[in-house]
Amino acid sequence: MRSIRIDQETIISLEEKARQIRKDVVTMIHQSSDGHPSPALSIADMIAALYFHVLNIDPQNPEKPDRDRLILSKGHACTALCAALARRGFFPLSALPTFRSLHSILQGHPYQKKTPGLDATTGSLGHGISIGLGMVLAARVLGLDYFTYVIIGDGEQEEGLIWEAAMAAAKYKAGRLIVLADCNGLQSGGKIQEVGGIEPIQPKWEAFGWHTQSIDGHNLKEILSAILKAQQVEEKPSIILARTIKGKGVPFMENNNDWHKKVPTKEELELALAALGGNR
């Protein structure tokens, strides 16, 4: 079983990583004049926990066969992922300001062929769990013991393909498939309950045969504890329903759906960085 430390030193370190990722997110989007800030801010804590503590990965050997896989199914939030990959050492920090630029390794959605450290090209919502299940079944055939993690949105759970994948994963007892759902209550078209009405969501996943947990998606201790529990479930896929705040960390973006896709001005960037703890 993998070792996941859940001590105060680790928590403090990961909180700092998440804070830096959030600063990178708002800066990258300001520099590129395009992007989705609030969906990226809500997953920063989960991204920090995975990339800086949980995942078995090696930036010097990004294609190693037994590495853990991560798929950002809600690909529009990729600024958080790009920041983590850079700060984990997969490519230089100097690439971050090129986000969404022509010929950049960092495109508007995750693009595996260009970006070092990516396991899948994503952006068309609903496909991540299916891709992840394929990776888990491939590991079984090849005799490898890696975990596959998928980050989805709560609005994304309105996609029918999600539930086809959920049925298949339960059927094949895909215990090494761990899904983290960013449940911030909002999607591009408005409030989740007003658009699709997916809540209560936890009983639905339980009915599909999944191991389920509901946590505070900004509490690093709860995130790590939930992942550790999920790793110990051998014959069921797991989903961690992480209750989050869209735009977390930047007060004027929090729960304000105008920031689903919006570029901060220079003044707004300065306010955001100040709220997050300084100017870089």
Foldseek 3Di string as FASTA:
>chain_A
DDDFDQDPVVQVVLLVQLLVLLLLLQVLCQLQVWAFNQVLNFQSSVLSCCLVTNWQADLVCLVPPQTAAEAAQQFRNCSSVVSSCCVSPNDDPVLSNCACPPPRLHHSGDDVVRGGNHDDTHNPFLCFLVVQLVSLVVCVVVVHDHAYEYEHEPLSVLDPSNLVSLLVQLVQQSLRYEYEYSYQQADLVGGSCVPPNCPPPQVVSVVSPAAEEEEASNRNSRSSVQVVVSNPRRRHYYYYYHHTWRNPQQVVGTPPSVSRMGRDHPVSSQSSQVSSPHND
